[in-house]
Amino acid sequence: MIPRSGEFVATMLIEYADAAARDSALRELVGLENHLWICLDSRRERARFDQCQMSADRISSVQFVRFPLGGLDSGEFLALAGSGKIAIELDHPKLVARAPVNGILAYALAQDLSE
């Protein structure tokens, strides 16, 4: 995937060691595309998924995701990340997680924005 201007792209892998557990989880996570966000200070921007990876009864364990940055440039992105105001958030009824974007990851992503 090639990012468009003002966005990041990512490949998300949903991994379970046990095949039966994975199959069950991928069925329970239907609708995931409506529950993944990039949090930019007080704003939440919904991630955009490749709809070919979704179905009504099961999702794929590999997801191609785009995160829109709402017009942030690399300097603004780094400033927010440096003050702990950027995170990836998942709020699906079956899976909740939040991961900060900071440190070397934030720096590498900001470099991608400036290219």
N, C-alpha and C. Protein backbone atom coordinates (compact mmCIF):
# COMPACT_ATOMS: atom_id res chain seq x y z
N MET A 1 0.84 -1.18 0.00
CA MET A 1 0.00 0.00 0.00
C MET A 1 0.89 1.24 0.00
N ILE A 2 0.49 2.20 -0.76
CA ILE A 2 1.21 3.45 -0.83
C ILE A 2 0.34 4.52 -0.18
N PRO A 3 0.90 5.25 0.81
CA PRO A 3 0.08 6.27 1.47
C PRO A 3 -0.20 7.44 0.53
N ARG A 4 -1.35 8.01 0.71
CA ARG A 4 -1.70 9.26 0.03
C ARG A 4 -1.19 10.40 0.90
N SER A 5 -1.20 11.58 0.37
CA SER A 5 -0.76 12.74 1.13
C SER A 5 -1.62 12.87 2.40
N GLY A 6 -0.97 13.09 3.54
CA GLY A 6 -1.70 13.32 4.78
C GLY A 6 -2.25 12.09 5.46
N GLU A 7 -1.65 10.93 5.18
CA GLU A 7 -2.11 9.72 5.85
C GLU A 7 -0.95 8.76 6.05
N PHE A 8 -1.14 7.83 6.97
CA PHE A 8 -0.24 6.71 7.14
C PHE A 8 -0.98 5.46 6.71
N VAL A 9 -0.24 4.45 6.28
CA VAL A 9 -0.84 3.15 5.99
C VAL A 9 -0.15 2.11 6.85
N ALA A 10 -0.89 1.05 7.15
CA ALA A 10 -0.33 -0.01 8.00
C ALA A 10 -0.97 -1.34 7.61
N THR A 11 -0.24 -2.38 7.89
CA THR A 11 -0.78 -3.73 7.79
C THR A 11 -0.98 -4.23 9.21
N MET A 12 -2.20 -4.60 9.53
CA MET A 12 -2.52 -5.08 10.87
C MET A 12 -2.72 -6.60 10.80
N LEU A 13 -2.00 -7.30 11.66
CA LEU A 13 -2.11 -8.75 11.73
C LEU A 13 -2.81 -9.12 13.03
N ILE A 14 -3.89 -9.89 12.92
CA ILE A 14 -4.61 -10.39 14.09
C ILE A 14 -4.15 -11.83 14.25
N GLU A 15 -3.34 -12.06 15.27
CA GLU A 15 -2.66 -13.35 15.39
C GLU A 15 -3.11 -14.11 16.64
N TYR A 16 -3.43 -15.36 16.42
CA TYR A 16 -3.74 -16.31 17.49
C TYR A 16 -2.96 -17.59 17.16
N ALA A 17 -2.27 -18.15 18.13
CA ALA A 17 -1.48 -19.36 17.89
C ALA A 17 -2.37 -20.55 17.55
N ASP A 18 -3.51 -20.62 18.19
CA ASP A 18 -4.44 -21.73 18.00
C ASP A 18 -5.41 -21.41 16.87
N ALA A 19 -5.49 -22.28 15.87
CA ALA A 19 -6.35 -22.04 14.70
C ALA A 19 -7.82 -21.91 15.07
N ALA A 20 -8.30 -22.72 16.00
CA ALA A 20 -9.72 -22.66 16.40
C ALA A 20 -10.02 -21.34 17.10
N ALA A 21 -9.11 -20.90 17.96
CA ALA A 21 -9.30 -19.62 18.65
C ALA A 21 -9.28 -18.47 17.65
N ARG A 22 -8.37 -18.54 16.66
CA ARG A 22 -8.29 -17.51 15.63
C ARG A 22 -9.59 -17.45 14.83
N ASP A 23 -10.10 -18.60 14.41
CA ASP A 23 -11.33 -18.64 13.63
C ASP A 23 -12.48 -18.02 14.41
N SER A 24 -12.59 -18.37 15.68
CA SER A 24 -13.64 -17.82 16.53
C SER A 24 -13.49 -16.31 16.67
N ALA A 25 -12.27 -15.84 16.93
CA ALA A 25 -12.04 -14.41 17.11
C ALA A 25 -12.35 -13.63 15.84
N LEU A 26 -11.98 -14.16 14.68
CA LEU A 26 -12.23 -13.45 13.42
C LEU A 26 -13.72 -13.35 13.12
N ARG A 27 -14.49 -14.25 13.65
CA ARG A 27 -15.95 -14.16 13.52
C ARG A 27 -16.52 -13.13 14.51
N GLU A 28 -15.96 -13.10 15.71
CA GLU A 28 -16.43 -12.16 16.73
C GLU A 28 -16.03 -10.72 16.43
N LEU A 29 -15.01 -10.52 15.61
CA LEU A 29 -14.51 -9.17 15.33
C LEU A 29 -15.13 -8.52 14.10
N VAL A 30 -16.20 -9.12 13.57
CA VAL A 30 -16.92 -8.48 12.46
C VAL A 30 -17.28 -7.05 12.90
N GLY A 31 -17.11 -6.11 12.02
CA GLY A 31 -17.38 -4.71 12.34
C GLY A 31 -16.16 -3.96 12.83
N LEU A 32 -15.02 -4.63 12.88
CA LEU A 32 -13.78 -4.00 13.36
C LEU A 32 -13.49 -2.69 12.64
N GLU A 33 -13.84 -2.62 11.38
CA GLU A 33 -13.54 -1.42 10.58
C GLU A 33 -14.23 -0.16 11.11
N ASN A 34 -15.19 -0.32 11.97
CA ASN A 34 -15.88 0.83 12.56
C ASN A 34 -15.34 1.20 13.94
N HIS A 35 -14.27 0.55 14.37
CA HIS A 35 -13.81 0.70 15.75
C HIS A 35 -12.31 0.96 15.91
N LEU A 36 -11.62 1.30 14.83
CA LEU A 36 -10.19 1.58 14.93
C LEU A 36 -9.96 3.05 14.59
N TRP A 37 -9.19 3.72 15.44
CA TRP A 37 -9.02 5.17 15.34
C TRP A 37 -7.56 5.56 15.50
N ILE A 38 -7.21 6.71 14.94
CA ILE A 38 -5.99 7.38 15.34
C ILE A 38 -6.45 8.60 16.13
N CYS A 39 -5.94 8.73 17.33
CA CYS A 39 -6.30 9.84 18.21
C CYS A 39 -5.21 10.90 18.09
N LEU A 40 -5.61 12.08 17.71
CA LEU A 40 -4.70 13.20 17.48
C LEU A 40 -5.13 14.33 18.41
N ASP A 41 -4.52 14.40 19.58
CA ASP A 41 -4.90 15.34 20.63
C ASP A 41 -6.34 15.03 21.03
N SER A 42 -7.26 15.96 20.85
CA SER A 42 -8.64 15.72 21.26
C SER A 42 -9.51 15.18 20.11
N ARG A 43 -8.93 14.98 18.94
CA ARG A 43 -9.65 14.47 17.76
C ARG A 43 -9.43 12.99 17.59
N ARG A 44 -10.45 12.31 17.09
CA ARG A 44 -10.32 10.91 16.69
C ARG A 44 -10.67 10.81 15.21
N GLU A 45 -9.75 10.24 14.44
CA GLU A 45 -9.99 10.03 13.01
C GLU A 45 -10.14 8.53 12.79
N ARG A 46 -11.25 8.14 12.17
CA ARG A 46 -11.50 6.72 11.93
C ARG A 46 -10.56 6.17 10.87
N ALA A 47 -9.99 5.02 11.14
CA ALA A 47 -9.15 4.34 10.16
C ALA A 47 -10.03 3.86 9.01
N ARG A 48 -9.42 3.77 7.84
CA ARG A 48 -10.13 3.27 6.66
C ARG A 48 -9.52 1.92 6.28
N PHE A 49 -10.38 0.96 6.05
CA PHE A 49 -9.96 -0.41 5.77
C PHE A 49 -10.20 -0.76 4.31
N ASP A 50 -9.45 -1.72 3.82
CA ASP A 50 -9.69 -2.30 2.50
C ASP A 50 -10.91 -3.21 2.64
N GLN A 51 -11.99 -2.86 2.00
CA GLN A 51 -13.24 -3.60 2.16
C GLN A 51 -13.18 -5.02 1.61
N CYS A 52 -12.17 -5.33 0.80
CA CYS A 52 -12.00 -6.70 0.30
C CYS A 52 -11.62 -7.66 1.41
N GLN A 53 -11.16 -7.14 2.55
CA GLN A 53 -10.73 -7.96 3.66
C GLN A 53 -11.88 -8.24 4.65
N MET A 54 -13.06 -7.74 4.35
CA MET A 54 -14.20 -7.84 5.27
C MET A 54 -15.30 -8.70 4.65
N SER A 55 -16.08 -9.32 5.51
CA SER A 55 -17.30 -9.98 5.07
C SER A 55 -18.32 -9.87 6.20
N ALA A 56 -19.52 -10.29 5.95
CA ALA A 56 -20.58 -10.17 6.95
C ALA A 56 -20.43 -11.17 8.09
N ASP A 57 -19.67 -12.24 7.89
CA ASP A 57 -19.58 -13.26 8.93
C ASP A 57 -18.17 -13.47 9.50
N ARG A 58 -17.17 -12.83 8.90
CA ARG A 58 -15.79 -13.05 9.36
C ARG A 58 -14.89 -11.99 8.73
N ILE A 59 -13.86 -11.59 9.47
CA ILE A 59 -12.88 -10.68 8.89
C ILE A 59 -11.59 -11.46 8.61
N SER A 60 -10.74 -10.89 7.82
CA SER A 60 -9.45 -11.51 7.53
C SER A 60 -8.48 -11.23 8.68
N SER A 61 -7.53 -12.13 8.89
CA SER A 61 -6.54 -11.92 9.94
C SER A 61 -5.50 -10.88 9.53
N VAL A 62 -5.46 -10.51 8.27
CA VAL A 62 -4.58 -9.45 7.78
C VAL A 62 -5.45 -8.32 7.26
N GLN A 63 -5.21 -7.13 7.79
CA GLN A 63 -5.99 -5.96 7.40
C GLN A 63 -5.05 -4.87 6.88
N PHE A 64 -5.46 -4.23 5.80
CA PHE A 64 -4.72 -3.10 5.25
C PHE A 64 -5.48 -1.84 5.65
N VAL A 65 -4.80 -0.96 6.39
CA VAL A 65 -5.46 0.16 7.06
C VAL A 65 -4.82 1.48 6.67
N ARG A 66 -5.65 2.48 6.51
CA ARG A 66 -5.19 3.86 6.26
C ARG A 66 -5.62 4.73 7.43
N PHE A 67 -4.69 5.53 7.93
CA PHE A 67 -4.96 6.44 9.03
C PHE A 67 -4.86 7.88 8.55
N PRO A 68 -6.00 8.59 8.41
CA PRO A 68 -5.95 9.99 7.99
C PRO A 68 -5.45 10.86 9.14
N LEU A 69 -4.64 11.86 8.81
CA LEU A 69 -4.03 12.70 9.84
C LEU A 69 -4.65 14.08 9.96
N GLY A 70 -5.75 14.31 9.29
CA GLY A 70 -6.47 15.56 9.47
C GLY A 70 -5.65 16.81 9.18
N GLY A 71 -4.71 16.72 8.24
CA GLY A 71 -3.95 17.89 7.84
C GLY A 71 -2.70 18.18 8.63
N LEU A 72 -2.33 17.33 9.57
CA LEU A 72 -1.11 17.56 10.35
C LEU A 72 0.12 17.45 9.46
N ASP A 73 1.08 18.34 9.66
CA ASP A 73 2.35 18.17 9.00
C ASP A 73 3.31 17.46 9.95
N SER A 74 4.52 17.19 9.51
CA SER A 74 5.45 16.39 10.32
C SER A 74 5.81 17.07 11.64
N GLY A 75 5.97 18.39 11.63
CA GLY A 75 6.29 19.10 12.87
C GLY A 75 5.16 19.05 13.88
N GLU A 76 3.95 19.26 13.41
CA GLU A 76 2.78 19.19 14.30
C GLU A 76 2.61 17.77 14.84
N PHE A 77 2.82 16.79 13.98
CA PHE A 77 2.72 15.39 14.41
C PHE A 77 3.72 15.09 15.51
N LEU A 78 4.97 15.49 15.31
CA LEU A 78 6.01 15.24 16.33
C LEU A 78 5.71 15.96 17.64
N ALA A 79 5.22 17.18 17.54
CA ALA A 79 4.89 17.93 18.76
C ALA A 79 3.80 17.23 19.56
N LEU A 80 2.76 16.78 18.88
CA LEU A 80 1.69 16.06 19.58
C LEU A 80 2.19 14.74 20.15
N ALA A 81 2.97 14.01 19.36
CA ALA A 81 3.50 12.73 19.82
C ALA A 81 4.41 12.94 21.03
N GLY A 82 5.22 13.98 20.99
CA GLY A 82 6.14 14.26 22.09
C GLY A 82 5.43 14.59 23.39
N SER A 83 4.21 15.09 23.30
CA SER A 83 3.45 15.41 24.51
C SER A 83 2.41 14.33 24.83
N GLY A 84 2.57 13.15 24.20
CA GLY A 84 1.69 12.01 24.53
C GLY A 84 0.28 12.14 24.01
N LYS A 85 0.09 12.88 22.92
CA LYS A 85 -1.26 13.15 22.44
C LYS A 85 -1.60 12.45 21.13
N ILE A 86 -0.86 11.38 20.79
CA ILE A 86 -1.20 10.57 19.62
C ILE A 86 -1.23 9.11 20.06
N ALA A 87 -2.29 8.42 19.64
CA ALA A 87 -2.43 7.00 19.97
C ALA A 87 -3.29 6.32 18.91
N ILE A 88 -3.14 5.01 18.83
CA ILE A 88 -4.04 4.18 18.03
C ILE A 88 -4.98 3.53 19.04
N GLU A 89 -6.25 3.59 18.75
CA GLU A 89 -7.26 3.10 19.71
C GLU A 89 -8.22 2.16 19.01
N LEU A 90 -8.53 1.07 19.69
CA LEU A 90 -9.51 0.09 19.21
C LEU A 90 -10.59 -0.03 20.28
N ASP A 91 -11.84 0.17 19.87
CA ASP A 91 -12.94 0.12 20.84
C ASP A 91 -14.06 -0.84 20.40
N HIS A 92 -13.67 -1.97 19.84
CA HIS A 92 -14.63 -2.99 19.43
C HIS A 92 -15.19 -3.66 20.69
N PRO A 93 -16.48 -4.04 20.69
CA PRO A 93 -17.05 -4.69 21.87
C PRO A 93 -16.30 -5.95 22.32
N LYS A 94 -15.62 -6.63 21.41
CA LYS A 94 -14.89 -7.85 21.75
C LYS A 94 -13.39 -7.65 21.95
N LEU A 95 -12.89 -6.44 21.66
CA LEU A 95 -11.46 -6.19 21.79
C LEU A 95 -11.22 -4.70 21.95
N VAL A 96 -10.61 -4.34 23.06
CA VAL A 96 -10.31 -2.94 23.36
C VAL A 96 -8.81 -2.81 23.59
N ALA A 97 -8.21 -1.80 22.97
CA ALA A 97 -6.77 -1.57 23.13
C ALA A 97 -6.46 -0.12 22.82
N ARG A 98 -5.36 0.34 23.39
CA ARG A 98 -4.86 1.69 23.11
C ARG A 98 -3.34 1.63 23.13
N ALA A 99 -2.72 2.16 22.07
CA ALA A 99 -1.26 2.15 21.98
C ALA A 99 -0.76 3.55 21.65
N PRO A 100 0.08 4.11 22.50
CA PRO A 100 0.62 5.44 22.19
C PRO A 100 1.57 5.38 21.00
N VAL A 101 1.61 6.47 20.27
CA VAL A 101 2.57 6.64 19.19
C VAL A 101 3.55 7.69 19.69
N ASN A 102 4.76 7.23 20.03
CA ASN A 102 5.76 8.15 20.57
C ASN A 102 7.16 7.64 20.27
N GLY A 103 8.14 8.33 20.78
CA GLY A 103 9.53 7.90 20.65
C GLY A 103 9.98 7.72 19.22
N ILE A 104 10.75 6.67 19.01
CA ILE A 104 11.34 6.42 17.70
C ILE A 104 10.28 6.14 16.63
N LEU A 105 9.16 5.52 17.02
CA LEU A 105 8.08 5.28 16.07
C LEU A 105 7.53 6.61 15.57
N ALA A 106 7.25 7.55 16.47
CA ALA A 106 6.73 8.85 16.07
C ALA A 106 7.72 9.57 15.16
N TYR A 107 8.99 9.49 15.50
CA TYR A 107 10.01 10.14 14.69
C TYR A 107 10.04 9.55 13.28
N ALA A 108 10.02 8.23 13.17
CA ALA A 108 10.04 7.57 11.85
C ALA A 108 8.80 7.93 11.03
N LEU A 109 7.64 7.96 11.67
CA LEU A 109 6.41 8.32 10.96
C LEU A 109 6.45 9.77 10.51
N ALA A 110 6.98 10.66 11.34
CA ALA A 110 7.09 12.08 10.97
C ALA A 110 8.01 12.24 9.76
N GLN A 111 9.06 11.45 9.70
CA GLN A 111 9.94 11.50 8.53
C GLN A 111 9.18 11.10 7.28
N ASP A 112 8.32 10.09 7.39
CA ASP A 112 7.52 9.68 6.23
C ASP A 112 6.60 10.81 5.77
N LEU A 113 6.09 11.59 6.71
CA LEU A 113 5.20 12.70 6.36
C LEU A 113 5.95 13.80 5.60
N SER A 114 7.23 13.99 5.91
CA SER A 114 7.96 15.08 5.29
C SER A 114 8.53 14.71 3.93
N GLU A 115 8.42 13.45 3.53
CA GLU A 115 8.96 13.04 2.22
C GLU A 115 7.95 13.19 1.13
